[in-house]
Amino acid sequence: MSSRGRAGVVAGVLLVVVLTLGACAAGPNVDVSPEGLGFWWGLWHGLILPVTFIISLFTDTVTIYEVGNNGN
Protein backbone atom coordinates (compact mmCIF):
# COMPACT_ATOMS: atom_id res chain seq x y z
CA MET A 1 0.00 0.00 0.00
CA SER A 2 1.38 3.40 -0.92
CA SER A 3 1.90 6.19 1.61
CA ARG A 4 -0.97 8.10 0.03
CA GLY A 5 -3.29 5.11 0.56
CA ARG A 6 -2.19 4.75 4.18
CA ALA A 7 -2.79 8.44 4.79
CA GLY A 8 -6.31 8.04 3.42
CA VAL A 9 -7.01 5.06 5.66
CA VAL A 10 -5.65 6.89 8.71
CA ALA A 11 -7.75 9.96 7.87
CA GLY A 12 -10.85 7.78 7.46
CA VAL A 13 -10.30 6.00 10.78
CA LEU A 14 -9.66 9.32 12.53
CA LEU A 15 -12.87 10.75 11.06
CA VAL A 16 -14.89 7.75 12.28
CA VAL A 17 -13.39 8.02 15.78
CA VAL A 18 -14.08 11.76 16.02
CA LEU A 19 -17.67 11.36 14.81
CA THR A 20 -18.27 8.46 17.19
CA LEU A 21 -16.98 10.39 20.19
CA GLY A 22 -18.94 13.46 19.14
CA ALA A 23 -22.14 11.43 18.94
CA CYS A 24 -21.64 10.28 22.54
CA ALA A 25 -21.29 13.76 23.97
CA ALA A 26 -24.17 14.93 26.11
CA GLY A 27 -25.63 18.35 25.66
CA PRO A 28 -27.26 20.81 28.05
CA ASN A 29 -30.44 19.72 29.77
CA VAL A 30 -33.00 22.00 28.14
CA ASP A 31 -36.08 19.75 28.33
CA VAL A 32 -36.64 18.56 31.87
CA SER A 33 -39.37 15.96 32.04
CA PRO A 34 -41.72 16.49 35.04
CA GLU A 35 -41.97 12.75 35.68
CA GLY A 36 -38.25 12.15 35.32
CA LEU A 37 -36.41 10.29 32.63
CA GLY A 38 -36.32 6.77 34.03
CA PHE A 39 -34.11 3.73 33.64
CA TRP A 40 -33.22 3.79 29.93
CA TRP A 41 -32.07 7.42 29.94
CA GLY A 42 -30.10 6.69 33.11
CA LEU A 43 -28.45 3.73 31.39
CA TRP A 44 -27.61 5.90 28.38
CA HIS A 45 -26.11 8.61 30.59
CA GLY A 46 -24.04 5.97 32.36
CA LEU A 47 -22.67 4.75 29.04
CA ILE A 48 -21.66 8.22 27.87
CA LEU A 49 -20.30 9.28 31.30
CA PRO A 50 -16.58 9.02 30.39
CA VAL A 51 -16.94 11.33 27.39
CA THR A 52 -19.31 13.67 29.25
CA PHE A 53 -16.94 13.94 32.21
CA ILE A 54 -14.05 15.02 30.01
CA ILE A 55 -16.21 17.60 28.23
CA SER A 56 -17.56 18.89 31.55
CA LEU A 57 -14.02 19.75 32.64
CA PHE A 58 -13.76 22.34 29.85
CA THR A 59 -17.29 23.77 29.64
CA ASP A 60 -20.03 24.89 32.01
CA THR A 61 -22.91 23.92 29.71
CA VAL A 62 -22.45 20.14 30.01
CA THR A 63 -22.99 18.35 33.31
CA ILE A 64 -22.31 14.73 34.24
CA TYR A 65 -25.65 14.19 35.96
CA GLU A 66 -29.29 14.35 34.92
CA VAL A 67 -31.20 16.88 37.02
CA GLY A 68 -34.57 15.40 36.11
CA ASN A 69 -33.72 11.83 37.18
CA ASN A 70 -36.40 9.92 39.09
CA GLY A 71 -34.36 6.80 39.88
CA ASN A 72 -32.61 5.71 43.07
PDB file of N, CA and C in Angstrom:
ATOM      1  N   MET A   1       0.851  -1.169   0.000  1.00  0.00           N
ATOM      2  CA  MET A   1       0.000   0.000   0.000  1.00  0.00           C
ATOM      3  C   MET A   1       0.902   1.239   0.000  1.00  0.00           C
ATOM      4  N   SER A   2       0.566   2.193  -0.814  1.00  0.00           N
ATOM      5  CA  SER A   2       1.375   3.405  -0.918  1.00  0.00           C
ATOM      6  C   SER A   2       1.146   4.306   0.292  1.00  0.00           C
ATOM      7  N   SER A   3       2.024   5.274   0.477  1.00  0.00           N
ATOM      8  CA  SER A   3       1.896   6.189   1.611  1.00  0.00           C
ATOM      9  C   SER A   3       0.641   7.054   1.478  1.00  0.00           C
ATOM     10  N   ARG A   4       0.255   7.329   0.243  1.00  0.00           N
ATOM     11  CA  ARG A   4      -0.973   8.099   0.028  1.00  0.00           C
ATOM     12  C   ARG A   4      -2.205   7.288   0.441  1.00  0.00           C
ATOM     13  N   GLY A   5      -2.194   5.991   0.159  1.00  0.00           N
ATOM     14  CA  GLY A   5      -3.295   5.112   0.559  1.00  0.00           C
ATOM     15  C   GLY A   5      -3.371   4.963   2.065  1.00  0.00           C
ATOM     16  N   ARG A   6      -2.210   4.854   2.714  1.00  0.00           N
ATOM     17  CA  ARG A   6      -2.187   4.751   4.177  1.00  0.00           C
ATOM     18  C   ARG A   6      -2.704   6.028   4.816  1.00  0.00           C
ATOM     19  N   ALA A   7      -2.324   7.158   4.256  1.00  0.00           N
ATOM     20  CA  ALA A   7      -2.788   8.436   4.794  1.00  0.00           C
ATOM     21  C   ALA A   7      -4.310   8.535   4.668  1.00  0.00           C
ATOM     22  N   GLY A   8      -4.860   8.034   3.595  1.00  0.00           N
ATOM     23  CA  GLY A   8      -6.309   8.043   3.420  1.00  0.00           C
ATOM     24  C   GLY A   8      -7.010   7.152   4.427  1.00  0.00           C
ATOM     25  N   VAL A   9      -6.430   5.981   4.682  1.00  0.00           N
ATOM     26  CA  VAL A   9      -7.009   5.062   5.659  1.00  0.00           C
ATOM     27  C   VAL A   9      -6.944   5.670   7.058  1.00  0.00           C
ATOM     28  N   VAL A  10      -5.801   6.259   7.400  1.00  0.00           N
ATOM     29  CA  VAL A  10      -5.648   6.886   8.715  1.00  0.00           C
ATOM     30  C   VAL A  10      -6.640   8.041   8.861  1.00  0.00           C
ATOM     31  N   ALA A  11      -6.795   8.857   7.828  1.00  0.00           N
ATOM     32  CA  ALA A  11      -7.752   9.964   7.869  1.00  0.00           C
ATOM     33  C   ALA A  11      -9.182   9.442   8.032  1.00  0.00           C
ATOM     34  N   GLY A  12      -9.513   8.367   7.346  1.00  0.00           N
ATOM     35  CA  GLY A  12     -10.845   7.782   7.462  1.00  0.00           C
ATOM     36  C   GLY A  12     -11.115   7.241   8.857  1.00  0.00           C
ATOM     37  N   VAL A  13     -10.148   6.546   9.417  1.00  0.00           N
ATOM     38  CA  VAL A  13     -10.303   5.999  10.776  1.00  0.00           C
ATOM     39  C   VAL A  13     -10.424   7.139  11.782  1.00  0.00           C
ATOM     40  N   LEU A  14      -9.596   8.164  11.627  1.00  0.00           N
ATOM     41  CA  LEU A  14      -9.655   9.317  12.529  1.00  0.00           C
ATOM     42  C   LEU A  14     -11.014  10.013  12.436  1.00  0.00           C
ATOM     43  N   LEU A  15     -11.554  10.146  11.244  1.00  0.00           N
ATOM     44  CA  LEU A  15     -12.867  10.749  11.064  1.00  0.00           C
ATOM     45  C   LEU A  15     -13.955   9.936  11.764  1.00  0.00           C
ATOM     46  N   VAL A  16     -13.909   8.623  11.629  1.00  0.00           N
ATOM     47  CA  VAL A  16     -14.889   7.755  12.281  1.00  0.00           C
ATOM     48  C   VAL A  16     -14.787   7.879  13.800  1.00  0.00           C
ATOM     49  N   VAL A  17     -13.578   7.907  14.329  1.00  0.00           N
ATOM     50  CA  VAL A  17     -13.386   8.020  15.782  1.00  0.00           C
ATOM     51  C   VAL A  17     -13.928   9.357  16.287  1.00  0.00           C
ATOM     52  N   VAL A  18     -13.611  10.439  15.595  1.00  0.00           N
ATOM     53  CA  VAL A  18     -14.077  11.759  16.017  1.00  0.00           C
ATOM     54  C   VAL A  18     -15.600  11.844  15.958  1.00  0.00           C
ATOM     55  N   LEU A  19     -16.211  11.334  14.915  1.00  0.00           N
ATOM     56  CA  LEU A  19     -17.674  11.360  14.806  1.00  0.00           C
ATOM     57  C   LEU A  19     -18.334  10.480  15.863  1.00  0.00           C
ATOM     58  N   THR A  20     -17.730   9.346  16.166  1.00  0.00           N
ATOM     59  CA  THR A  20     -18.274   8.456  17.194  1.00  0.00           C
ATOM     60  C   THR A  20     -18.220   9.119  18.557  1.00  0.00           C
ATOM     61  N   LEU A  21     -17.086   9.721  18.898  1.00  0.00           N
ATOM     62  CA  LEU A  21     -16.975  10.389  20.189  1.00  0.00           C
ATOM     63  C   LEU A  21     -17.888  11.609  20.264  1.00  0.00           C
ATOM     64  N   GLY A  22     -18.039  12.305  19.164  1.00  0.00           N
ATOM     65  CA  GLY A  22     -18.942  13.459  19.141  1.00  0.00           C
ATOM     66  C   GLY A  22     -20.394  13.054  19.316  1.00  0.00           C
ATOM     67  N   ALA A  23     -20.765  11.906  18.805  1.00  0.00           N
ATOM     68  CA  ALA A  23     -22.142  11.434  18.944  1.00  0.00           C
ATOM     69  C   ALA A  23     -22.451  11.031  20.376  1.00  0.00           C
ATOM     70  N   CYS A  24     -21.441  10.698  21.152  1.00  0.00           N
ATOM     71  CA  CYS A  24     -21.641  10.281  22.536  1.00  0.00           C
ATOM     72  C   CYS A  24     -21.700  11.450  23.504  1.00  0.00           C
ATOM     73  N   ALA A  25     -21.344  12.616  23.074  1.00  0.00           N
ATOM     74  CA  ALA A  25     -21.285  13.762  23.974  1.00  0.00           C
ATOM     75  C   ALA A  25     -22.688  14.216  24.356  1.00  0.00           C
ATOM     76  N   ALA A  26     -22.875  14.443  25.633  1.00  0.00           N
ATOM     77  CA  ALA A  26     -24.166  14.930  26.115  1.00  0.00           C
ATOM     78  C   ALA A  26     -24.237  16.434  25.961  1.00  0.00           C
ATOM     79  N   GLY A  27     -25.427  16.918  25.786  1.00  0.00           N
ATOM     80  CA  GLY A  27     -25.629  18.354  25.659  1.00  0.00           C
ATOM     81  C   GLY A  27     -26.278  18.923  26.907  1.00  0.00           C
ATOM     82  N   PRO A  28     -26.599  20.203  26.887  1.00  0.00           N
ATOM     83  CA  PRO A  28     -27.256  20.811  28.046  1.00  0.00           C
ATOM     84  C   PRO A  28     -28.659  20.249  28.232  1.00  0.00           C
ATOM     85  N   ASN A  29     -29.124  20.258  29.450  1.00  0.00           N
ATOM     86  CA  ASN A  29     -30.440  19.721  29.774  1.00  0.00           C
ATOM     87  C   ASN A  29     -31.479  20.822  29.612  1.00  0.00           C
ATOM     88  N   VAL A  30     -32.040  20.927  28.416  1.00  0.00           N
ATOM     89  CA  VAL A  30     -33.003  22.001  28.142  1.00  0.00           C
ATOM     90  C   VAL A  30     -34.445  21.545  28.314  1.00  0.00           C
ATOM     91  N   ASP A  31     -34.721  20.280  28.192  1.00  0.00           N
ATOM     92  CA  ASP A  31     -36.078  19.753  28.327  1.00  0.00           C
ATOM     93  C   ASP A  31     -36.152  18.833  29.531  1.00  0.00           C
ATOM     94  N   VAL A  32     -36.511  19.371  30.666  1.00  0.00           N
ATOM     95  CA  VAL A  32     -36.635  18.563  31.870  1.00  0.00           C
ATOM     96  C   VAL A  32     -38.032  17.970  31.897  1.00  0.00           C
ATOM     97  N   SER A  33     -38.094  16.653  31.994  1.00  0.00           N
ATOM     98  CA  SER A  33     -39.374  15.961  32.037  1.00  0.00           C
ATOM     99  C   SER A  33     -39.916  16.002  33.468  1.00  0.00           C
ATOM    100  N   PRO A  34     -41.180  16.406  33.680  1.00  0.00           N
ATOM    101  CA  PRO A  34     -41.725  16.490  35.042  1.00  0.00           C
ATOM    102  C   PRO A  34     -41.739  15.151  35.771  1.00  0.00           C
ATOM    103  N   GLU A  35     -41.924  14.069  35.031  1.00  0.00           N
ATOM    104  CA  GLU A  35     -41.973  12.753  35.685  1.00  0.00           C
ATOM    105  C   GLU A  35     -40.608  12.088  35.750  1.00  0.00           C
ATOM    106  N   GLY A  36     -39.578  12.741  35.308  1.00  0.00           N
ATOM    107  CA  GLY A  36     -38.246  12.154  35.324  1.00  0.00           C
ATOM    108  C   GLY A  36     -37.986  11.369  34.057  1.00  0.00           C
ATOM    109  N   LEU A  37     -36.772  10.940  33.870  1.00  0.00           N
ATOM    110  CA  LEU A  37     -36.408  10.289  32.625  1.00  0.00           C
ATOM    111  C   LEU A  37     -36.382   8.766  32.712  1.00  0.00           C
ATOM    112  N   GLY A  38     -36.201   8.208  33.879  1.00  0.00           N
ATOM    113  CA  GLY A  38     -36.315   6.773  34.032  1.00  0.00           C
ATOM    114  C   GLY A  38     -35.053   5.983  33.742  1.00  0.00           C
ATOM    115  N   PHE A  39     -35.217   4.671  33.707  1.00  0.00           N
ATOM    116  CA  PHE A  39     -34.110   3.726  33.639  1.00  0.00           C
ATOM    117  C   PHE A  39     -33.302   3.827  32.362  1.00  0.00           C
ATOM    118  N   TRP A  40     -33.950   3.855  31.204  1.00  0.00           N
ATOM    119  CA  TRP A  40     -33.223   3.793  29.931  1.00  0.00           C
ATOM    120  C   TRP A  40     -32.370   5.033  29.704  1.00  0.00           C
ATOM    121  N   TRP A  41     -32.896   6.212  30.063  1.00  0.00           N
ATOM    122  CA  TRP A  41     -32.074   7.419  29.942  1.00  0.00           C
ATOM    123  C   TRP A  41     -30.927   7.369  30.949  1.00  0.00           C
ATOM    124  N   GLY A  42     -31.169   6.835  32.122  1.00  0.00           N
ATOM    125  CA  GLY A  42     -30.096   6.689  33.111  1.00  0.00           C
ATOM    126  C   GLY A  42     -29.018   5.749  32.616  1.00  0.00           C
ATOM    127  N   LEU A  43     -29.419   4.662  31.963  1.00  0.00           N
ATOM    128  CA  LEU A  43     -28.452   3.726  31.385  1.00  0.00           C
ATOM    129  C   LEU A  43     -27.635   4.411  30.296  1.00  0.00           C
ATOM    130  N   TRP A  44     -28.303   5.175  29.440  1.00  0.00           N
ATOM    131  CA  TRP A  44     -27.606   5.904  28.376  1.00  0.00           C
ATOM    132  C   TRP A  44     -26.597   6.893  28.965  1.00  0.00           C
ATOM    133  N   HIS A  45     -27.018   7.645  29.984  1.00  0.00           N
ATOM    134  CA  HIS A  45     -26.110   8.614  30.590  1.00  0.00           C
ATOM    135  C   HIS A  45     -24.940   7.912  31.276  1.00  0.00           C
ATOM    136  N   GLY A  46     -25.143   6.733  31.792  1.00  0.00           N
ATOM    137  CA  GLY A  46     -24.044   5.965  32.358  1.00  0.00           C
ATOM    138  C   GLY A  46     -23.051   5.524  31.292  1.00  0.00           C
ATOM    139  N   LEU A  47     -23.554   5.178  30.120  1.00  0.00           N
ATOM    140  CA  LEU A  47     -22.669   4.750  29.036  1.00  0.00           C
ATOM    141  C   LEU A  47     -21.828   5.896  28.487  1.00  0.00           C
ATOM    142  N   ILE A  48     -22.397   7.089  28.434  1.00  0.00           N
ATOM    143  CA  ILE A  48     -21.659   8.220  27.874  1.00  0.00           C
ATOM    144  C   ILE A  48     -20.922   9.024  28.948  1.00  0.00           C
ATOM    145  N   LEU A  49     -20.937   8.553  30.200  1.00  0.00           N
ATOM    146  CA  LEU A  49     -20.299   9.278  31.298  1.00  0.00           C
ATOM    147  C   LEU A  49     -18.825   9.592  31.059  1.00  0.00           C
ATOM    148  N   PRO A  50     -17.996   8.668  30.566  1.00  0.00           N
ATOM    149  CA  PRO A  50     -16.578   9.015  30.387  1.00  0.00           C
ATOM    150  C   PRO A  50     -16.367  10.207  29.449  1.00  0.00           C
ATOM    151  N   VAL A  51     -17.080  10.223  28.341  1.00  0.00           N
ATOM    152  CA  VAL A  51     -16.944  11.330  27.389  1.00  0.00           C
ATOM    153  C   VAL A  51     -17.517  12.609  27.994  1.00  0.00           C
ATOM    154  N   THR A  52     -18.669  12.504  28.644  1.00  0.00           N
ATOM    155  CA  THR A  52     -19.312  13.667  29.246  1.00  0.00           C
ATOM    156  C   THR A  52     -18.444  14.274  30.339  1.00  0.00           C
ATOM    157  N   PHE A  53     -17.799  13.431  31.138  1.00  0.00           N
ATOM    158  CA  PHE A  53     -16.942  13.939  32.207  1.00  0.00           C
ATOM    159  C   PHE A  53     -15.793  14.773  31.652  1.00  0.00           C
ATOM    160  N   ILE A  54     -15.165  14.279  30.614  1.00  0.00           N
ATOM    161  CA  ILE A  54     -14.047  15.018  30.014  1.00  0.00           C
ATOM    162  C   ILE A  54     -14.528  16.351  29.457  1.00  0.00           C
ATOM    163  N   ILE A  55     -15.673  16.352  28.781  1.00  0.00           N
ATOM    164  CA  ILE A  55     -16.212  17.597  28.232  1.00  0.00           C
ATOM    165  C   ILE A  55     -16.596  18.556  29.355  1.00  0.00           C
ATOM    166  N   SER A  56     -17.131  18.029  30.454  1.00  0.00           N
ATOM    167  CA  SER A  56     -17.564  18.894  31.552  1.00  0.00           C
ATOM    168  C   SER A  56     -16.394  19.595  32.238  1.00  0.00           C
ATOM    169  N   LEU A  57     -15.191  19.094  32.070  1.00  0.00           N
ATOM    170  CA  LEU A  57     -14.018  19.749  32.638  1.00  0.00           C
ATOM    171  C   LEU A  57     -13.697  21.059  31.925  1.00  0.00           C
ATOM    172  N   PHE A  58     -14.123  21.182  30.665  1.00  0.00           N
ATOM    173  CA  PHE A  58     -13.765  22.337  29.853  1.00  0.00           C
ATOM    174  C   PHE A  58     -14.922  23.279  29.548  1.00  0.00           C
ATOM    175  N   THR A  59     -16.135  22.923  29.940  1.00  0.00           N
ATOM    176  CA  THR A  59     -17.289  23.769  29.642  1.00  0.00           C
ATOM    177  C   THR A  59     -18.273  23.740  30.810  1.00  0.00           C
ATOM    178  N   ASP A  60     -19.027  24.818  30.953  1.00  0.00           N
ATOM    179  CA  ASP A  60     -20.032  24.893  32.011  1.00  0.00           C
ATOM    180  C   ASP A  60     -21.418  24.502  31.524  1.00  0.00           C
ATOM    181  N   THR A  61     -21.583  24.237  30.242  1.00  0.00           N
ATOM    182  CA  THR A  61     -22.909  23.922  29.706  1.00  0.00           C
ATOM    183  C   THR A  61     -23.215  22.434  29.694  1.00  0.00           C
ATOM    184  N   VAL A  62     -22.242  21.590  29.989  1.00  0.00           N
ATOM    185  CA  VAL A  62     -22.448  20.138  30.014  1.00  0.00           C
ATOM    186  C   VAL A  62     -22.186  19.642  31.425  1.00  0.00           C
ATOM    187  N   THR A  63     -23.150  18.897  31.966  1.00  0.00           N
ATOM    188  CA  THR A  63     -22.995  18.345  33.311  1.00  0.00           C
ATOM    189  C   THR A  63     -22.965  16.824  33.233  1.00  0.00           C
ATOM    190  N   ILE A  64     -22.442  16.186  34.273  1.00  0.00           N
ATOM    191  CA  ILE A  64     -22.310  14.729  34.238  1.00  0.00           C
ATOM    192  C   ILE A  64     -23.464  14.035  34.955  1.00  0.00           C
ATOM    193  N   TYR A  65     -24.499  14.778  35.301  1.00  0.00           N
ATOM    194  CA  TYR A  65     -25.655  14.189  35.956  1.00  0.00           C
ATOM    195  C   TYR A  65     -26.929  14.697  35.305  1.00  0.00           C
ATOM    196  N   GLU A  66     -27.983  13.978  35.480  1.00  0.00           N
ATOM    197  CA  GLU A  66     -29.288  14.355  34.918  1.00  0.00           C
ATOM    198  C   GLU A  66     -30.128  14.952  36.053  1.00  0.00           C
ATOM    199  N   VAL A  67     -30.480  16.226  35.939  1.00  0.00           N
ATOM    200  CA  VAL A  67     -31.197  16.885  37.019  1.00  0.00           C
ATOM    201  C   VAL A  67     -32.635  16.402  37.132  1.00  0.00           C
ATOM    202  N   GLY A  68     -33.185  15.856  36.063  1.00  0.00           N
ATOM    203  CA  GLY A  68     -34.571  15.398  36.105  1.00  0.00           C
ATOM    204  C   GLY A  68     -34.698  13.893  36.362  1.00  0.00           C
ATOM    205  N   ASN A  69     -33.707  13.279  36.970  1.00  0.00           N
ATOM    206  CA  ASN A  69     -33.718  11.832  37.185  1.00  0.00           C
ATOM    207  C   ASN A  69     -34.715  11.465  38.272  1.00  0.00           C
ATOM    208  N   ASN A  70     -35.449  10.369  38.078  1.00  0.00           N
ATOM    209  CA  ASN A  70     -36.398   9.924  39.086  1.00  0.00           C
ATOM    210  C   ASN A  70     -36.004   8.572  39.675  1.00  0.00           C
ATOM    211  N   GLY A  71     -34.806   8.095  39.378  1.00  0.00           N
ATOM    212  CA  GLY A  71     -34.357   6.795  39.880  1.00  0.00           C
ATOM    213  C   GLY A  71     -33.697   6.896  41.242  1.00  0.00           C
ATOM    214  N   ASN A  72     -33.282   5.748  41.759  1.00  0.00           N
ATOM    215  CA  ASN A  72     -32.614   5.710  43.068  1.00  0.00           C
ATOM    216  C   ASN A  72     -31.154   6.064  42.942  1.00  0.00           C
TER     217      ASN A  72
END
